Amino acid sequence: MTYVIAQPCVDVMDKACIEECPVDCIYEGERAMYIHPDECVDCGACAPVCPVEAIYYESETPEEWEDYARINVEFFEELGTPGGSRNVGPIGKDHPAVAVLEPQGQPG
């Protein structure tokens, strides 16, 4: 199990979660943030600082956003496990399911 960033993050991207994460496992896509499931240590430090409450423990993700566990995993299929977001910087793309969403939230 791991933490998951769900739809409320799309187009908000506050990035407080990145600053709080002690293992640097939160990556920046074009419109959303993603938690690398193999790098996350399940500490939960990111969840309380999210201003839109988009971060959930995988088994506690609300039903309407449960696909985001899969979306977070699939986002890293091409990228692999780079060992921290500071090693790669912003990715410049999103998972296809996020990329097709209508604009939402307030850009951060």
C-alpha atoms as a PDB file:
ATOM      1  CA  MET A   1       0.000   0.000   0.000  1.00  0.00           C
ATOM      2  CA  THR A   2       1.023   3.596  -0.538  1.00  0.00           C
ATOM      3  CA  TYR A   3      -0.352   7.095  -0.557  1.00  0.00           C
ATOM      4  CA  VAL A   4      -2.215   8.326  -3.633  1.00  0.00           C
ATOM      5  CA  ILE A   5      -2.811  11.807  -5.033  1.00  0.00           C
ATOM      6  CA  ALA A   6      -6.359  12.034  -6.383  1.00  0.00           C
ATOM      7  CA  GLN A   7      -8.329  14.336  -8.676  1.00  0.00           C
ATOM      8  CA  PRO A   8      -8.620  17.374  -6.353  1.00  0.00           C
ATOM      9  CA  CYS A   9      -4.927  18.062  -7.105  1.00  0.00           C
ATOM     10  CA  VAL A  10      -5.496  18.453 -10.848  1.00  0.00           C
ATOM     11  CA  ASP A  11      -4.718  22.022 -11.933  1.00  0.00           C
ATOM     12  CA  VAL A  12      -3.988  23.088  -8.337  1.00  0.00           C
ATOM     13  CA  MET A  13      -0.482  21.685  -7.799  1.00  0.00           C
ATOM     14  CA  ASP A  14       0.271  23.538  -4.561  1.00  0.00           C
ATOM     15  CA  LYS A  15       3.531  21.566  -4.104  1.00  0.00           C
ATOM     16  CA  ALA A  16       3.505  21.756  -0.286  1.00  0.00           C
ATOM     17  CA  CYS A  17       3.485  17.954  -0.405  1.00  0.00           C
ATOM     18  CA  ILE A  18       6.825  17.921  -2.239  1.00  0.00           C
ATOM     19  CA  GLU A  19       8.402  20.130   0.403  1.00  0.00           C
ATOM     20  CA  GLU A  20       7.069  17.929   3.216  1.00  0.00           C
ATOM     21  CA  CYS A  21       7.975  14.535   1.731  1.00  0.00           C
ATOM     22  CA  PRO A  22      11.102  13.192   3.489  1.00  0.00           C
ATOM     23  CA  VAL A  23      11.908  10.686   0.717  1.00  0.00           C
ATOM     24  CA  ASP A  24      11.281  12.895  -2.355  1.00  0.00           C
ATOM     25  CA  CYS A  25       8.733  10.495  -3.891  1.00  0.00           C
ATOM     26  CA  ILE A  26       6.221  13.082  -5.179  1.00  0.00           C
ATOM     27  CA  TYR A  27       6.667  13.988  -8.835  1.00  0.00           C
ATOM     28  CA  GLU A  28       5.279  16.913 -10.783  1.00  0.00           C
ATOM     29  CA  GLY A  29       3.328  16.201 -13.947  1.00  0.00           C
ATOM     30  CA  GLU A  30       1.948  18.914 -16.187  1.00  0.00           C
ATOM     31  CA  ARG A  31      -1.394  19.272 -14.393  1.00  0.00           C
ATOM     32  CA  ALA A  32      -1.095  17.069 -11.292  1.00  0.00           C
ATOM     33  CA  MET A  33       1.306  15.594  -8.761  1.00  0.00           C
ATOM     34  CA  TYR A  34       1.959  11.835  -8.518  1.00  0.00           C
ATOM     35  CA  ILE A  35       3.339   9.665  -5.701  1.00  0.00           C
ATOM     36  CA  HIS A  36       5.792   6.977  -6.796  1.00  0.00           C
ATOM     37  CA  PRO A  37       4.445   3.759  -5.211  1.00  0.00           C
ATOM     38  CA  ASP A  38       7.872   2.106  -4.943  1.00  0.00           C
ATOM     39  CA  GLU A  39       9.551   5.130  -3.350  1.00  0.00           C
ATOM     40  CA  CYS A  40       6.810   6.103  -0.872  1.00  0.00           C
ATOM     41  CA  VAL A  41       7.522   4.925   2.687  1.00  0.00           C
ATOM     42  CA  ASP A  42       3.923   5.426   3.853  1.00  0.00           C
ATOM     43  CA  CYS A  43       4.854   8.103   6.394  1.00  0.00           C
ATOM     44  CA  GLY A  44       1.821  10.268   5.597  1.00  0.00           C
ATOM     45  CA  ALA A  45       3.690  13.564   6.003  1.00  0.00           C
ATOM     46  CA  CYS A  46       2.282  14.823   2.708  1.00  0.00           C
ATOM     47  CA  ALA A  47      -1.430  14.376   3.445  1.00  0.00           C
ATOM     48  CA  PRO A  48      -1.977  17.015   6.144  1.00  0.00           C
ATOM     49  CA  VAL A  49      -0.257  19.782   4.152  1.00  0.00           C
ATOM     50  CA  CYS A  50      -2.365  19.309   1.002  1.00  0.00           C
ATOM     51  CA  PRO A  51      -4.666  22.357   0.806  1.00  0.00           C
ATOM     52  CA  VAL A  52      -7.262  20.530  -1.306  1.00  0.00           C
ATOM     53  CA  GLU A  53      -7.177  17.227   0.616  1.00  0.00           C
ATOM     54  CA  ALA A  54      -6.172  15.233  -2.462  1.00  0.00           C
ATOM     55  CA  ILE A  55      -3.811  12.764  -0.746  1.00  0.00           C
ATOM     56  CA  TYR A  56      -5.134   9.518   0.696  1.00  0.00           C
ATOM     57  CA  TYR A  57      -3.775   6.247   1.961  1.00  0.00           C
ATOM     58  CA  GLU A  58      -4.519   3.873  -0.920  1.00  0.00           C
ATOM     59  CA  SER A  59      -7.108   1.798   0.951  1.00  0.00           C
ATOM     60  CA  GLU A  60      -8.835   4.962   2.213  1.00  0.00           C
ATOM     61  CA  THR A  61      -9.192   6.735  -1.140  1.00  0.00           C
ATOM     62  CA  PRO A  62     -12.830   7.766  -1.680  1.00  0.00           C
ATOM     63  CA  GLU A  63     -14.652   5.519  -4.120  1.00  0.00           C
ATOM     64  CA  GLU A  64     -15.073   8.309  -6.683  1.00  0.00           C
ATOM     65  CA  TRP A  65     -11.254   8.585  -6.967  1.00  0.00           C
ATOM     66  CA  GLU A  66     -10.153   4.982  -6.415  1.00  0.00           C
ATOM     67  CA  ASP A  67      -8.825   4.828 -10.017  1.00  0.00           C
ATOM     68  CA  TYR A  68      -6.084   7.225  -8.918  1.00  0.00           C
ATOM     69  CA  ALA A  69      -4.187   4.364  -7.242  1.00  0.00           C
ATOM     70  CA  ARG A  70      -3.823   2.810 -10.696  1.00  0.00           C
ATOM     71  CA  ILE A  71      -3.193   6.209 -12.315  1.00  0.00           C
ATOM     72  CA  ASN A  72      -0.332   6.956  -9.909  1.00  0.00           C
ATOM     73  CA  VAL A  73       1.247   3.544 -10.641  1.00  0.00           C
ATOM     74  CA  GLU A  74       0.840   3.805 -14.413  1.00  0.00           C
ATOM     75  CA  PHE A  75       2.314   7.317 -14.483  1.00  0.00           C
ATOM     76  CA  PHE A  76       5.694   5.783 -13.623  1.00  0.00           C
ATOM     77  CA  GLU A  77       5.658   2.894 -16.128  1.00  0.00           C
ATOM     78  CA  GLU A  78       7.878   4.735 -18.637  1.00  0.00           C
ATOM     79  CA  LEU A  79       9.811   6.776 -16.068  1.00  0.00           C
ATOM     80  CA  GLY A  80      10.763   3.807 -13.922  1.00  0.00           C
ATOM     81  CA  THR A  81      12.179   4.452 -10.451  1.00  0.00           C
ATOM     82  CA  PRO A  82      14.507   7.460 -10.682  1.00  0.00           C
ATOM     83  CA  GLY A  83      15.122   7.627  -6.928  1.00  0.00           C
ATOM     84  CA  GLY A  84      13.546  10.997  -6.219  1.00  0.00           C
ATOM     85  CA  SER A  85      11.781  13.805  -7.985  1.00  0.00           C
ATOM     86  CA  ARG A  86      14.723  16.176  -7.572  1.00  0.00           C
ATOM     87  CA  ASN A  87      16.671  13.878  -9.907  1.00  0.00           C
ATOM     88  CA  VAL A  88      14.231  14.470 -12.784  1.00  0.00           C
ATOM     89  CA  GLY A  89      12.363  17.737 -12.129  1.00  0.00           C
ATOM     90  CA  PRO A  90       8.931  18.375 -13.667  1.00  0.00           C
ATOM     91  CA  ILE A  91       7.879  15.552 -15.992  1.00  0.00           C
ATOM     92  CA  GLY A  92       5.991  17.725 -18.507  1.00  0.00           C
ATOM     93  CA  LYS A  93       3.165  15.267 -19.113  1.00  0.00           C
ATOM     94  CA  ASP A  94       0.357  13.560 -17.243  1.00  0.00           C
ATOM     95  CA  HIS A  95      -1.321  10.197 -17.149  1.00  0.00           C
ATOM     96  CA  PRO A  96      -3.791  10.092 -20.086  1.00  0.00           C
ATOM     97  CA  ALA A  97      -6.772   9.988 -17.693  1.00  0.00           C
ATOM     98  CA  VAL A  98      -5.619  13.257 -16.116  1.00  0.00           C
ATOM     99  CA  ALA A  99      -4.616  14.895 -19.401  1.00  0.00           C
ATOM    100  CA  VAL A 100      -8.156  14.624 -20.807  1.00  0.00           C
ATOM    101  CA  LEU A 101      -9.914  16.164 -17.787  1.00  0.00           C
ATOM    102  CA  GLU A 102     -11.604  19.513 -18.186  1.00  0.00           C
ATOM    103  CA  PRO A 103      -9.716  22.359 -16.460  1.00  0.00           C
ATOM    104  CA  GLN A 104     -10.464  22.497 -12.729  1.00  0.00           C
ATOM    105  CA  GLY A 105      -9.319  24.122  -9.525  1.00  0.00           C
ATOM    106  CA  GLN A 106      -7.079  27.150  -9.427  1.00  0.00           C
ATOM    107  CA  PRO A 107      -3.596  26.836 -10.932  1.00  0.00           C
ATOM    108  CA  GLY A 108      -0.870  26.918  -8.296  1.00  0.00           C
END
